[in-house]
Amino acid sequence: MQQALTLQTNENRFLISIDKNYIEQEFVIRLMNRIRLEYLAKIVNFDENIEILGEEIKTDWWEKNKNRLLNPA
């Protein structure tokens, strides 16, 4: 019986083989996009101010939208 997933490595690559009967193509695409985002997040050189900016954005969004979400018409 063939395995659903096989992994091979060489000098600088992972070679992944996935049986199409086990995993849908859309899932593989989402997984690859997630891996790409994780890689990009890793190489971006943000300083500590990015977290402060993120909190400010979330707070501002919440103030603008909380009434709509908490009091639906």
Protein backbone atom coordinates (compact mmCIF):
# COMPACT_ATOMS: atom_id res chain seq x y z
CA MET A 1 0.00 0.00 0.00
CA GLN A 2 1.38 3.39 -0.98
CA GLN A 3 1.82 6.04 1.68
CA ALA A 4 -0.37 9.15 1.48
CA LEU A 5 2.62 11.41 2.05
CA THR A 6 6.30 10.96 1.34
CA LEU A 7 9.14 13.35 2.07
CA GLN A 8 12.57 13.32 0.52
CA THR A 9 15.40 15.75 1.06
CA ASN A 10 18.43 16.75 -0.89
CA GLU A 11 21.03 19.45 -0.28
CA ASN A 12 18.63 22.40 -0.08
CA ARG A 13 15.13 21.14 -0.88
CA PHE A 14 12.28 19.15 0.55
CA LEU A 15 10.50 17.04 -2.04
CA ILE A 16 6.98 16.26 -0.91
CA SER A 17 4.71 13.81 -2.67
CA ILE A 18 1.03 13.65 -1.71
CA ASP A 19 -1.48 11.08 -2.88
CA LYS A 20 -4.33 13.02 -4.53
CA ASN A 21 -6.84 10.55 -3.12
CA TYR A 22 -6.09 11.70 0.43
CA ILE A 23 -5.90 15.49 0.23
CA GLU A 24 -7.84 17.99 -1.85
CA GLN A 25 -5.96 20.39 -4.10
CA GLU A 26 -7.50 23.43 -2.40
CA PHE A 27 -6.05 22.30 0.93
CA VAL A 28 -2.57 21.96 -0.59
CA ILE A 29 -2.84 25.45 -2.11
CA ARG A 30 -3.90 26.94 1.24
CA LEU A 31 -1.06 25.11 2.96
CA MET A 32 1.51 26.40 0.48
CA ASN A 33 0.19 29.94 0.86
CA ARG A 34 0.50 29.61 4.63
CA ILE A 35 4.07 28.36 4.31
CA ARG A 36 4.88 31.32 2.05
CA LEU A 37 3.39 33.78 4.55
CA GLU A 38 5.32 32.19 7.40
CA TYR A 39 8.51 32.54 5.39
CA LEU A 40 7.82 36.18 4.53
CA ALA A 41 7.00 36.99 8.15
CA LYS A 42 10.26 35.40 9.20
CA ILE A 43 12.43 37.44 6.83
CA VAL A 44 10.73 40.81 7.34
CA ASN A 45 12.71 43.02 9.69
CA PHE A 46 10.03 44.70 11.83
CA ASP A 47 11.06 46.63 14.89
CA GLU A 48 9.15 46.56 18.18
CA ASN A 49 6.92 49.48 17.09
CA ILE A 50 5.00 47.20 14.73
CA GLU A 51 3.20 45.60 17.68
CA ILE A 52 2.21 49.02 19.01
CA LEU A 53 0.88 49.98 15.58
CA GLY A 54 -1.08 46.73 15.38
CA GLU A 55 -2.73 47.37 18.73
CA GLU A 56 -3.62 50.92 17.67
CA ILE A 57 -5.21 49.61 14.46
CA LYS A 58 -7.24 46.99 16.35
CA THR A 59 -8.38 49.52 18.97
CA ASP A 60 -9.41 52.03 16.31
CA TRP A 61 -11.29 49.35 14.35
CA TRP A 62 -13.11 48.17 17.48
CA GLU A 63 -14.17 51.70 18.40
CA LYS A 64 -15.59 52.23 14.91
CA ASN A 65 -17.37 48.85 14.69
CA LYS A 66 -18.36 47.75 18.21
CA ASN A 67 -21.85 49.25 18.10
CA ARG A 68 -22.60 47.54 14.80
CA LEU A 69 -21.41 44.20 16.14
CA LEU A 70 -22.88 44.39 19.63
CA ASN A 71 -26.21 45.95 18.59
CA PRO A 72 -27.21 44.40 15.25
CA ALA A 73 -30.31 45.94 13.70
